[in-house]
Amino acid sequence: MDLRQLKSLVLLVEYDYSVSRTAQSLHLVQPAVSQHIKQLEANLGTRLFLRQGKRLVGLTEAGERVLHYARNIQADTANILAVGQDHVSEDVGTLRIGTTHTQARYVLPPVIRQFSLAYPKVELQILEGRPQQLVDMAVQDKVDFAICTEALSNNPALLAIPCNRWNRCLIAPDLHAVFKRKQITLKALCRYPIITYVVGFTGRGHLNDTFSNAGLMPHVVLSATDTDVIKTYVREGLGIGIIAELAYEREKDRDLGMRELNHLFPWEVTKIGYRRDKYLRNHQQRFIDLFRAASARMESATESADPGKSR
């Protein structure tokens, strides 16, 4: 048994048991991947894959267990390499960040700017996805860090560090009737078509729960993962928008009025997560420090703002 065989096992699962895609990823011919699996099963004395004819279709119970340990071995191997890299050239490498669109678009830019100035030789890779996808990527060490609000606290394999709190705001064209109301209530919001995030993104679950607990059913006409898409359809007059307040840009969104909704909905907490057994290189720890510092400044600015302020 060697690392190449375990890598073939892991990639076969990730590529839905496609030998051709796995071989292409490893820059091997297909028979070489098949030989890896054959040798691994021979060494262990048991079948790891379920088969239909010659085609691989799934994992046996033993295969599931071996996959778990194979992924851990790959992560440990990456840690060993990272230790060596830090001692040879700590300012060179790759930083892989998995995050949602809202974080990538509205929160991370100043952090990335500072990080790039400090570590110009480190390549940054930003991969966007759903929160659960990001958690899976972090567990499988496909990204160094996952940054999102949902899902991170639910996986024991990850260390999740709370960074910043945020809440929601209402947006609509400046002259919209909703801004004539002296007070925005949950019941008042239900009078209008609403555009907001899809379930599983940017606090949508807590938004739904808040309305449900009040015995109300909001009229959501459109949901999206991308705040910019929500703004676009608000501008088109399709409905009022409920977005993360941190995504409202006062200069760029001057055509949209805004009201804070902190009094209606619970505060959300964005976290940065990574494998508990992960060795953090110096530049990776520096990124966490920069992100937490930026989050603290953002939260401080939000708390010091006039809660009744609107446009």
C-alpha atoms as a PDB file:
ATOM      1  CA  MET A   1       0.000   0.000   0.000  1.00  0.00           C
ATOM      2  CA  ASP A   2       1.316   3.455  -0.890  1.00  0.00           C
ATOM      3  CA  LEU A   3       0.111   7.054  -1.091  1.00  0.00           C
ATOM      4  CA  ARG A   4      -0.618   6.812  -4.821  1.00  0.00           C
ATOM      5  CA  GLN A   5      -3.128   4.036  -4.238  1.00  0.00           C
ATOM      6  CA  LEU A   6      -4.881   6.000  -1.500  1.00  0.00           C
ATOM      7  CA  LYS A   7      -4.971   9.115  -3.675  1.00  0.00           C
ATOM      8  CA  SER A   8      -6.586   7.119  -6.482  1.00  0.00           C
ATOM      9  CA  LEU A   9      -9.187   5.842  -4.015  1.00  0.00           C
ATOM     10  CA  VAL A  10     -10.070   9.337  -2.793  1.00  0.00           C
ATOM     11  CA  LEU A  11     -10.249  10.835  -6.278  1.00  0.00           C
ATOM     12  CA  LEU A  12     -12.372   7.983  -7.616  1.00  0.00           C
ATOM     13  CA  VAL A  13     -14.998   8.811  -5.000  1.00  0.00           C
ATOM     14  CA  GLU A  14     -14.783  12.551  -5.700  1.00  0.00           C
ATOM     15  CA  TYR A  15     -15.195  11.945  -9.445  1.00  0.00           C
ATOM     16  CA  ASP A  16     -18.248   9.685  -8.992  1.00  0.00           C
ATOM     17  CA  TYR A  17     -16.217   6.504  -9.583  1.00  0.00           C
ATOM     18  CA  SER A  18     -15.060   7.628 -13.016  1.00  0.00           C
ATOM     19  CA  VAL A  19     -11.739   5.937 -13.775  1.00  0.00           C
ATOM     20  CA  SER A  20     -11.170   8.149 -16.815  1.00  0.00           C
ATOM     21  CA  ARG A  21     -11.612  11.435 -14.912  1.00  0.00           C
ATOM     22  CA  THR A  22      -9.455  10.162 -12.044  1.00  0.00           C
ATOM     23  CA  ALA A  23      -6.699   9.139 -14.449  1.00  0.00           C
ATOM     24  CA  GLN A  24      -6.873  12.519 -16.169  1.00  0.00           C
ATOM     25  CA  SER A  25      -6.578  14.309 -12.816  1.00  0.00           C
ATOM     26  CA  LEU A  26      -3.542  12.205 -11.864  1.00  0.00           C
ATOM     27  CA  HIS A  27      -1.988  12.476 -15.355  1.00  0.00           C
ATOM     28  CA  LEU A  28      -2.070   8.695 -15.645  1.00  0.00           C
ATOM     29  CA  VAL A  29      -3.546   6.198 -18.072  1.00  0.00           C
ATOM     30  CA  GLN A  30      -6.734   4.442 -16.963  1.00  0.00           C
ATOM     31  CA  PRO A  31      -5.109   1.006 -16.488  1.00  0.00           C
ATOM     32  CA  ALA A  32      -2.709   2.574 -13.950  1.00  0.00           C
ATOM     33  CA  VAL A  33      -5.617   3.767 -11.785  1.00  0.00           C
ATOM     34  CA  SER A  34      -7.324   0.381 -12.070  1.00  0.00           C
ATOM     35  CA  GLN A  35      -4.063  -1.262 -11.017  1.00  0.00           C
ATOM     36  CA  HIS A  36      -3.824   1.029  -7.958  1.00  0.00           C
ATOM     37  CA  ILE A  37      -7.241  -0.110  -6.783  1.00  0.00           C
ATOM     38  CA  LYS A  38      -6.549  -3.751  -7.540  1.00  0.00           C
ATOM     39  CA  GLN A  39      -3.283  -3.633  -5.563  1.00  0.00           C
ATOM     40  CA  LEU A  40      -4.923  -1.792  -2.648  1.00  0.00           C
ATOM     41  CA  GLU A  41      -7.731  -4.319  -2.382  1.00  0.00           C
ATOM     42  CA  ALA A  42      -5.203  -7.186  -2.652  1.00  0.00           C
ATOM     43  CA  ASN A  43      -3.065  -5.696   0.142  1.00  0.00           C
ATOM     44  CA  LEU A  44      -6.082  -5.257   2.413  1.00  0.00           C
ATOM     45  CA  GLY A  45      -7.630  -8.582   1.504  1.00  0.00           C
ATOM     46  CA  THR A  46     -11.111  -7.178   0.933  1.00  0.00           C
ATOM     47  CA  ARG A  47     -13.240  -5.426  -1.660  1.00  0.00           C
ATOM     48  CA  LEU A  48     -13.435  -1.660  -1.319  1.00  0.00           C
ATOM     49  CA  PHE A  49     -15.740  -0.932  -4.254  1.00  0.00           C
ATOM     50  CA  LEU A  50     -19.167  -2.104  -5.298  1.00  0.00           C
ATOM     51  CA  ARG A  51     -19.202  -3.116  -8.947  1.00  0.00           C
ATOM     52  CA  GLN A  52     -21.667  -3.655 -11.758  1.00  0.00           C
ATOM     53  CA  GLY A  53     -19.681  -5.717 -14.211  1.00  0.00           C
ATOM     54  CA  LYS A  54     -16.405  -3.839 -14.586  1.00  0.00           C
ATOM     55  CA  ARG A  55     -17.916  -0.505 -13.582  1.00  0.00           C
ATOM     56  CA  LEU A  56     -17.386   0.970 -10.099  1.00  0.00           C
ATOM     57  CA  VAL A  57     -20.665   2.178  -8.596  1.00  0.00           C
ATOM     58  CA  GLY A  58     -20.009   2.709  -4.892  1.00  0.00           C
ATOM     59  CA  LEU A  59     -18.059   1.794  -1.781  1.00  0.00           C
ATOM     60  CA  THR A  60     -18.420  -1.237   0.447  1.00  0.00           C
ATOM     61  CA  GLU A  61     -18.589  -0.768   4.223  1.00  0.00           C
ATOM     62  CA  ALA A  62     -14.848  -1.445   4.381  1.00  0.00           C
ATOM     63  CA  GLY A  63     -14.329   1.027   1.545  1.00  0.00           C
ATOM     64  CA  GLU A  64     -16.119   3.781   3.476  1.00  0.00           C
ATOM     65  CA  ARG A  65     -13.838   3.215   6.468  1.00  0.00           C
ATOM     66  CA  VAL A  66     -10.686   3.141   4.356  1.00  0.00           C
ATOM     67  CA  LEU A  67     -11.787   6.345   2.579  1.00  0.00           C
ATOM     68  CA  HIS A  68     -12.050   8.119   5.933  1.00  0.00           C
ATOM     69  CA  TYR A  69      -8.512   7.170   6.914  1.00  0.00           C
ATOM     70  CA  ALA A  70      -7.165   7.818   3.411  1.00  0.00           C
ATOM     71  CA  ARG A  71      -8.420  11.403   3.578  1.00  0.00           C
ATOM     72  CA  ASN A  72      -6.812  11.831   6.990  1.00  0.00           C
ATOM     73  CA  ILE A  73      -3.519  10.486   5.657  1.00  0.00           C
ATOM     74  CA  GLN A  74      -3.651  12.955   2.787  1.00  0.00           C
ATOM     75  CA  ALA A  75      -4.290  15.793   5.230  1.00  0.00           C
ATOM     76  CA  ASP A  76      -1.393  14.674   7.445  1.00  0.00           C
ATOM     77  CA  THR A  77       0.863  14.479   4.390  1.00  0.00           C
ATOM     78  CA  ALA A  78      -0.123  18.031   3.486  1.00  0.00           C
ATOM     79  CA  ASN A  79       0.692  19.115   7.056  1.00  0.00           C
ATOM     80  CA  ILE A  80       4.152  17.555   6.843  1.00  0.00           C
ATOM     81  CA  LEU A  81       4.841  19.339   3.571  1.00  0.00           C
ATOM     82  CA  ALA A  82       3.552  22.611   5.049  1.00  0.00           C
ATOM     83  CA  VAL A  83       6.000  22.376   7.978  1.00  0.00           C
ATOM     84  CA  GLY A  84       8.867  21.993   5.542  1.00  0.00           C
ATOM     85  CA  GLN A  85       7.642  24.849   3.343  1.00  0.00           C
ATOM     86  CA  ASP A  86       7.441  27.203   6.322  1.00  0.00           C
ATOM     87  CA  HIS A  87      11.078  26.541   7.165  1.00  0.00           C
ATOM     88  CA  VAL A  88      12.277  26.895   3.573  1.00  0.00           C
ATOM     89  CA  SER A  89      10.177  29.849   2.339  1.00  0.00           C
ATOM     90  CA  GLU A  90       7.399  30.985   4.637  1.00  0.00           C
ATOM     91  CA  ASP A  91       6.257  33.760   2.280  1.00  0.00           C
ATOM     92  CA  VAL A  92       5.668  31.493  -0.731  1.00  0.00           C
ATOM     93  CA  GLY A  93       2.721  29.189  -1.361  1.00  0.00           C
ATOM     94  CA  THR A  94      -0.999  29.056  -2.092  1.00  0.00           C
ATOM     95  CA  LEU A  95      -3.907  30.089   0.115  1.00  0.00           C
ATOM     96  CA  ARG A  96      -7.242  28.477  -0.790  1.00  0.00           C
ATOM     97  CA  ILE A  97     -10.318  30.236   0.553  1.00  0.00           C
ATOM     98  CA  GLY A  98     -13.795  28.776   0.240  1.00  0.00           C
ATOM     99  CA  THR A  99     -16.567  31.298   0.835  1.00  0.00           C
ATOM    100  CA  THR A 100     -19.970  32.593  -0.207  1.00  0.00           C
ATOM    101  CA  HIS A 101     -20.524  35.350  -2.735  1.00  0.00           C
ATOM    102  CA  THR A 102     -21.522  37.865  -0.043  1.00  0.00           C
ATOM    103  CA  GLN A 103     -18.274  37.385   1.863  1.00  0.00           C
ATOM    104  CA  ALA A 104     -16.129  37.356  -1.295  1.00  0.00           C
ATOM    105  CA  ARG A 105     -17.781  40.469  -2.705  1.00  0.00           C
ATOM    106  CA  TYR A 106     -18.376  42.672   0.343  1.00  0.00           C
ATOM    107  CA  VAL A 107     -16.171  41.542   3.233  1.00  0.00           C
ATOM    108  CA  LEU A 108     -12.960  40.022   1.916  1.00  0.00           C
ATOM    109  CA  PRO A 109     -11.599  42.692  -0.517  1.00  0.00           C
ATOM    110  CA  PRO A 110      -9.828  44.854   2.132  1.00  0.00           C
ATOM    111  CA  VAL A 111      -8.528  41.706   3.869  1.00  0.00           C
ATOM    112  CA  ILE A 112      -7.190  40.339   0.589  1.00  0.00           C
ATOM    113  CA  ARG A 113      -5.588  43.690  -0.184  1.00  0.00           C
ATOM    114  CA  GLN A 114      -3.715  43.741   3.141  1.00  0.00           C
ATOM    115  CA  PHE A 115      -2.730  40.097   2.858  1.00  0.00           C
ATOM    116  CA  SER A 116      -1.390  40.517  -0.683  1.00  0.00           C
ATOM    117  CA  LEU A 117       0.757  43.444   0.404  1.00  0.00           C
ATOM    118  CA  ALA A 118       2.236  41.340   3.220  1.00  0.00           C
ATOM    119  CA  TYR A 119       2.634  38.163   1.153  1.00  0.00           C
ATOM    120  CA  PRO A 120       2.975  39.112  -2.542  1.00  0.00           C
ATOM    121  CA  LYS A 121       4.391  35.681  -3.431  1.00  0.00           C
ATOM    122  CA  VAL A 122       1.421  33.737  -2.049  1.00  0.00           C
ATOM    123  CA  GLU A 123      -1.184  32.856  -4.679  1.00  0.00           C
ATOM    124  CA  LEU A 124      -4.750  33.381  -3.498  1.00  0.00           C
ATOM    125  CA  GLN A 125      -7.549  31.118  -4.712  1.00  0.00           C
ATOM    126  CA  ILE A 126     -11.160  32.027  -3.907  1.00  0.00           C
ATOM    127  CA  LEU A 127     -13.748  29.292  -4.442  1.00  0.00           C
ATOM    128  CA  GLU A 128     -17.426  30.153  -3.993  1.00  0.00           C
ATOM    129  CA  GLY A 129     -20.088  27.680  -2.958  1.00  0.00           C
ATOM    130  CA  ARG A 130     -22.983  26.853  -0.691  1.00  0.00           C
ATOM    131  CA  PRO A 131     -22.160  26.743   3.033  1.00  0.00           C
ATOM    132  CA  GLN A 132     -22.431  22.946   3.228  1.00  0.00           C
ATOM    133  CA  GLN A 133     -20.230  22.622   0.158  1.00  0.00           C
ATOM    134  CA  LEU A 134     -17.655  24.863   1.818  1.00  0.00           C
ATOM    135  CA  VAL A 135     -17.701  22.733   4.972  1.00  0.00           C
ATOM    136  CA  ASP A 136     -17.159  19.576   2.929  1.00  0.00           C
ATOM    137  CA  MET A 137     -14.293  21.234   1.057  1.00  0.00           C
ATOM    138  CA  ALA A 138     -12.613  22.212   4.335  1.00  0.00           C
ATOM    139  CA  VAL A 139     -13.047  18.721   5.814  1.00  0.00           C
ATOM    140  CA  GLN A 140     -11.538  17.182   2.683  1.00  0.00           C
ATOM    141  CA  ASP A 141      -8.724  19.775   2.697  1.00  0.00           C
ATOM    142  CA  LYS A 142      -9.731  21.118  -0.711  1.00  0.00           C
ATOM    143  CA  VAL A 143      -9.617  24.605   0.825  1.00  0.00           C
ATOM    144  CA  ASP A 144      -7.515  25.907   3.690  1.00  0.00           C
ATOM    145  CA  PHE A 145     -10.362  27.971   5.144  1.00  0.00           C
ATOM    146  CA  ALA A 146     -14.131  28.008   4.818  1.00  0.00           C
ATOM    147  CA  ILE A 147     -15.810  31.341   5.548  1.00  0.00           C
ATOM    148  CA  CYS A 148     -19.587  31.437   5.951  1.00  0.00           C
ATOM    149  CA  THR A 149     -22.411  31.919   8.432  1.00  0.00           C
ATOM    150  CA  GLU A 150     -24.223  28.581   8.237  1.00  0.00           C
ATOM    151  CA  ALA A 151     -23.051  24.996   8.733  1.00  0.00           C
ATOM    152  CA  LEU A 152     -19.535  25.524  10.151  1.00  0.00           C
ATOM    153  CA  SER A 153     -20.454  24.929  13.793  1.00  0.00           C
ATOM    154  CA  ASN A 154     -22.072  21.586  13.040  1.00  0.00           C
ATOM    155  CA  ASN A 155     -18.983  19.626  11.991  1.00  0.00           C
ATOM    156  CA  PRO A 156     -16.729  18.267  14.766  1.00  0.00           C
ATOM    157  CA  ALA A 157     -13.827  17.851  12.319  1.00  0.00           C
ATOM    158  CA  LEU A 158     -13.552  21.622  11.951  1.00  0.00           C
ATOM    159  CA  LEU A 159     -12.440  24.373  14.274  1.00  0.00           C
ATOM    160  CA  ALA A 160     -14.808  27.314  13.698  1.00  0.00           C
ATOM    161  CA  ILE A 161     -13.725  30.765  14.888  1.00  0.00           C
ATOM    162  CA  PRO A 162     -16.480  33.410  15.274  1.00  0.00           C
ATOM    163  CA  CYS A 163     -15.461  36.595  13.492  1.00  0.00           C
ATOM    164  CA  ASN A 164     -18.162  39.181  12.906  1.00  0.00           C
ATOM    165  CA  ARG A 165     -21.826  39.715  13.710  1.00  0.00           C
ATOM    166  CA  TRP A 166     -24.202  41.139  11.156  1.00  0.00           C
ATOM    167  CA  ASN A 167     -27.865  41.689  10.580  1.00  0.00           C
ATOM    168  CA  ARG A 168     -30.193  42.511   7.752  1.00  0.00           C
ATOM    169  CA  CYS A 169     -31.524  45.603   6.075  1.00  0.00           C
ATOM    170  CA  LEU A 170     -34.436  46.451   3.835  1.00  0.00           C
ATOM    171  CA  ILE A 171     -33.707  47.946   0.419  1.00  0.00           C
ATOM    172  CA  ALA A 172     -36.082  49.377  -2.162  1.00  0.00           C
ATOM    173  CA  PRO A 173     -36.158  52.224  -4.697  1.00  0.00           C
ATOM    174  CA  ASP A 174     -36.004  55.594  -2.914  1.00  0.00           C
ATOM    175  CA  LEU A 175     -39.652  56.538  -3.438  1.00  0.00           C
ATOM    176  CA  HIS A 176     -41.086  53.121  -2.527  1.00  0.00           C
ATOM    177  CA  ALA A 177     -44.200  53.200  -0.326  1.00  0.00           C
ATOM    178  CA  VAL A 178     -42.511  51.071   2.337  1.00  0.00           C
ATOM    179  CA  PHE A 179     -40.391  54.068   3.381  1.00  0.00           C
ATOM    180  CA  LYS A 180     -43.501  56.093   4.219  1.00  0.00           C
ATOM    181  CA  ARG A 181     -44.100  53.842   7.205  1.00  0.00           C
ATOM    182  CA  LYS A 182     -42.955  55.226  10.533  1.00  0.00           C
ATOM    183  CA  GLN A 183     -42.003  51.762  11.728  1.00  0.00           C
ATOM    184  CA  ILE A 184     -41.094  48.613   9.836  1.00  0.00           C
ATOM    185  CA  THR A 185     -42.637  45.494  11.365  1.00  0.00           C
ATOM    186  CA  LEU A 186     -42.702  41.855  10.299  1.00  0.00           C
ATOM    187  CA  LYS A 187     -46.387  42.228   9.477  1.00  0.00           C
ATOM    188  CA  ALA A 188     -45.644  45.287   7.340  1.00  0.00           C
ATOM    189  CA  LEU A 189     -42.949  43.401   5.398  1.00  0.00           C
ATOM    190  CA  CYS A 190     -45.498  40.708   4.562  1.00  0.00           C
ATOM    191  CA  ARG A 191     -47.543  43.294   2.659  1.00  0.00           C
ATOM    192  CA  TYR A 192     -44.896  43.473  -0.069  1.00  0.00           C
ATOM    193  CA  PRO A 193     -43.281  40.969  -2.453  1.00  0.00           C
ATOM    194  CA  ILE A 194     -39.853  40.131  -1.040  1.00  0.00           C
ATOM    195  CA  ILE A 195     -36.541  39.311  -2.719  1.00  0.00           C
ATOM    196  CA  THR A 196     -33.917  37.696  -0.504  1.00  0.00           C
ATOM    197  CA  TYR A 197     -31.396  34.846  -0.214  1.00  0.00           C
ATOM    198  CA  VAL A 198     -32.092  31.187  -0.961  1.00  0.00           C
ATOM    199  CA  VAL A 199     -32.487  28.716   1.893  1.00  0.00           C
ATOM    200  CA  GLY A 200     -29.100  27.742   3.295  1.00  0.00           C
ATOM    201  CA  PHE A 201     -27.455  31.086   2.464  1.00  0.00           C
ATOM    202  CA  THR A 202     -26.797  34.252   4.432  1.00  0.00           C
ATOM    203  CA  GLY A 203     -29.154  33.649   7.337  1.00  0.00           C
ATOM    204  CA  ARG A 204     -32.252  32.687   5.321  1.00  0.00           C
ATOM    205  CA  GLY A 205     -33.116  29.937   7.800  1.00  0.00           C
ATOM    206  CA  HIS A 206     -33.322  32.360  10.729  1.00  0.00           C
ATOM    207  CA  LEU A 207     -35.304  34.811   8.597  1.00  0.00           C
ATOM    208  CA  ASN A 208     -37.875  32.115   7.836  1.00  0.00           C
ATOM    209  CA  ASP A 209     -38.010  31.071  11.496  1.00  0.00           C
ATOM    210  CA  THR A 210     -38.606  34.660  12.628  1.00  0.00           C
ATOM    211  CA  PHE A 211     -41.650  35.054  10.398  1.00  0.00           C
ATOM    212  CA  SER A 212     -42.912  31.567  11.281  1.00  0.00           C
ATOM    213  CA  ASN A 213     -42.594  32.165  15.030  1.00  0.00           C
ATOM    214  CA  ALA A 214     -44.704  35.306  14.591  1.00  0.00           C
ATOM    215  CA  GLY A 215     -47.366  33.306  12.727  1.00  0.00           C
ATOM    216  CA  LEU A 216     -46.619  35.101   9.454  1.00  0.00           C
ATOM    217  CA  MET A 217     -45.888  33.970   5.909  1.00  0.00           C
ATOM    218  CA  PRO A 218     -43.751  36.379   3.827  1.00  0.00           C
ATOM    219  CA  HIS A 219     -44.419  36.615   0.091  1.00  0.00           C
ATOM    220  CA  VAL A 220     -40.984  35.738  -1.325  1.00  0.00           C
ATOM    221  CA  VAL A 221     -41.135  36.200  -5.101  1.00  0.00           C
ATOM    222  CA  LEU A 222     -37.455  35.619  -5.862  1.00  0.00           C
ATOM    223  CA  SER A 223     -34.465  34.231  -3.999  1.00  0.00           C
ATOM    224  CA  ALA A 224     -30.813  34.170  -5.006  1.00  0.00           C
ATOM    225  CA  THR A 225     -27.361  33.328  -3.675  1.00  0.00           C
ATOM    226  CA  ASP A 226     -25.893  36.570  -5.025  1.00  0.00           C
ATOM    227  CA  THR A 227     -26.661  39.915  -3.354  1.00  0.00           C
ATOM    228  CA  ASP A 228     -25.993  41.773  -6.593  1.00  0.00           C
ATOM    229  CA  VAL A 229     -28.729  39.707  -8.269  1.00  0.00           C
ATOM    230  CA  ILE A 230     -31.132  40.641  -5.469  1.00  0.00           C
ATOM    231  CA  LYS A 231     -30.299  44.335  -5.935  1.00  0.00           C
ATOM    232  CA  THR A 232     -30.821  44.050  -9.686  1.00  0.00           C
ATOM    233  CA  TYR A 233     -34.380  42.759  -9.335  1.00  0.00           C
ATOM    234  CA  VAL A 234     -35.181  45.243  -6.595  1.00  0.00           C
ATOM    235  CA  ARG A 235     -34.185  47.947  -9.069  1.00  0.00           C
ATOM    236  CA  GLU A 236     -36.445  46.282 -11.648  1.00  0.00           C
ATOM    237  CA  GLY A 237     -39.368  46.766  -9.262  1.00  0.00           C
ATOM    238  CA  LEU A 238     -40.007  43.075  -8.633  1.00  0.00           C
ATOM    239  CA  GLY A 239     -40.139  43.571  -4.861  1.00  0.00           C
ATOM    240  CA  ILE A 240     -38.403  44.910  -1.768  1.00  0.00           C
ATOM    241  CA  GLY A 241     -35.090  43.335  -0.828  1.00  0.00           C
ATOM    242  CA  ILE A 242     -33.909  41.887   2.478  1.00  0.00           C
ATOM    243  CA  ILE A 243     -30.130  41.576   2.368  1.00  0.00           C
ATOM    244  CA  ALA A 244     -27.150  41.468   4.705  1.00  0.00           C
ATOM    245  CA  GLU A 245     -26.562  45.049   5.864  1.00  0.00           C
ATOM    246  CA  LEU A 246     -22.846  44.694   5.155  1.00  0.00           C
ATOM    247  CA  ALA A 247     -23.750  44.294   1.464  1.00  0.00           C
ATOM    248  CA  TYR A 248     -25.395  47.724   1.215  1.00  0.00           C
ATOM    249  CA  GLU A 249     -22.910  50.176  -0.310  1.00  0.00           C
ATOM    250  CA  ARG A 250     -23.964  53.745   0.410  1.00  0.00           C
ATOM    251  CA  GLU A 251     -22.157  55.248  -2.570  1.00  0.00           C
ATOM    252  CA  LYS A 252     -22.898  52.604  -5.186  1.00  0.00           C
ATOM    253  CA  ASP A 253     -26.455  51.997  -3.984  1.00  0.00           C
ATOM    254  CA  ARG A 254     -27.524  55.640  -3.716  1.00  0.00           C
ATOM    255  CA  ASP A 255     -30.601  54.922  -5.849  1.00  0.00           C
ATOM    256  CA  LEU A 256     -31.842  52.479  -3.216  1.00  0.00           C
ATOM    257  CA  GLY A 257     -33.276  53.494   0.125  1.00  0.00           C
ATOM    258  CA  MET A 258     -32.277  51.434   3.147  1.00  0.00           C
ATOM    259  CA  ARG A 259     -33.709  50.680   6.573  1.00  0.00           C
ATOM    260  CA  GLU A 260     -31.950  48.565   9.183  1.00  0.00           C
ATOM    261  CA  LEU A 261     -33.894  45.538  10.422  1.00  0.00           C
ATOM    262  CA  ASN A 262     -31.824  44.801  13.532  1.00  0.00           C
ATOM    263  CA  HIS A 263     -34.931  45.137  15.699  1.00  0.00           C
ATOM    264  CA  LEU A 264     -36.744  42.377  13.831  1.00  0.00           C
ATOM    265  CA  PHE A 265     -34.248  39.597  13.181  1.00  0.00           C
ATOM    266  CA  PRO A 266     -31.572  37.786  15.243  1.00  0.00           C
ATOM    267  CA  TRP A 267     -27.928  38.679  14.705  1.00  0.00           C
ATOM    268  CA  GLU A 268     -25.897  36.271  12.596  1.00  0.00           C
ATOM    269  CA  VAL A 269     -22.264  35.289  13.152  1.00  0.00           C
ATOM    270  CA  THR A 270     -19.792  34.689  10.337  1.00  0.00           C
ATOM    271  CA  LYS A 271     -17.090  32.143  11.138  1.00  0.00           C
ATOM    272  CA  ILE A 272     -13.823  31.028   9.595  1.00  0.00           C
ATOM    273  CA  GLY A 273     -13.258  27.284   9.824  1.00  0.00           C
ATOM    274  CA  TYR A 274     -10.500  24.795   9.106  1.00  0.00           C
ATOM    275  CA  ARG A 275      -9.585  21.212  10.001  1.00  0.00           C
ATOM    276  CA  ARG A 276      -8.758  20.772  13.669  1.00  0.00           C
ATOM    277  CA  ASP A 277      -5.656  18.780  12.782  1.00  0.00           C
ATOM    278  CA  LYS A 278      -4.452  21.283  10.180  1.00  0.00           C
ATOM    279  CA  TYR A 279      -0.968  22.748  10.518  1.00  0.00           C
ATOM    280  CA  LEU A 280      -1.314  26.479   9.928  1.00  0.00           C
ATOM    281  CA  ARG A 281       1.510  28.032   7.985  1.00  0.00           C
ATOM    282  CA  ASN A 282       2.604  31.501   9.043  1.00  0.00           C
ATOM    283  CA  HIS A 283       0.802  33.225   6.186  1.00  0.00           C
ATOM    284  CA  GLN A 284      -2.381  31.254   6.911  1.00  0.00           C
ATOM    285  CA  GLN A 285      -2.398  32.353  10.552  1.00  0.00           C
ATOM    286  CA  ARG A 286      -1.760  35.917   9.361  1.00  0.00           C
ATOM    287  CA  PHE A 287      -4.826  35.739   7.128  1.00  0.00           C
ATOM    288  CA  ILE A 288      -6.989  34.683  10.086  1.00  0.00           C
ATOM    289  CA  ASP A 289      -5.647  37.598  12.127  1.00  0.00           C
ATOM    290  CA  LEU A 290      -6.372  40.073   9.322  1.00  0.00           C
ATOM    291  CA  PHE A 291      -9.867  38.704   8.776  1.00  0.00           C
ATOM    292  CA  ARG A 292     -10.740  38.879  12.465  1.00  0.00           C
ATOM    293  CA  ALA A 293      -9.367  42.410  12.743  1.00  0.00           C
ATOM    294  CA  ALA A 294     -11.377  43.551   9.718  1.00  0.00           C
ATOM    295  CA  SER A 295     -14.477  41.852  11.139  1.00  0.00           C
ATOM    296  CA  ALA A 296     -14.025  43.656  14.467  1.00  0.00           C
ATOM    297  CA  ARG A 297     -13.765  47.015  12.690  1.00  0.00           C
ATOM    298  CA  MET A 298     -16.862  46.259  10.636  1.00  0.00           C
ATOM    299  CA  GLU A 299     -18.863  45.248  13.698  1.00  0.00           C
ATOM    300  CA  SER A 300     -17.710  48.327  15.603  1.00  0.00           C
ATOM    301  CA  ALA A 301     -18.787  50.573  12.734  1.00  0.00           C
ATOM    302  CA  THR A 302     -22.195  48.887  12.605  1.00  0.00           C
ATOM    303  CA  GLU A 303     -22.772  49.219  16.350  1.00  0.00           C
ATOM    304  CA  SER A 304     -21.761  52.910  16.381  1.00  0.00           C
ATOM    305  CA  ALA A 305     -24.143  53.781  13.539  1.00  0.00           C
ATOM    306  CA  ASP A 306     -27.501  55.359  14.327  1.00  0.00           C
ATOM    307  CA  PRO A 307     -29.956  52.400  14.385  1.00  0.00           C
ATOM    308  CA  GLY A 308     -32.723  54.604  13.030  1.00  0.00           C
ATOM    309  CA  LYS A 309     -30.698  55.982  10.155  1.00  0.00           C
ATOM    310  CA  SER A 310     -32.126  55.496   6.686  1.00  0.00           C
ATOM    311  CA  ARG A 311     -32.105  57.006   3.236  1.00  0.00           C
END
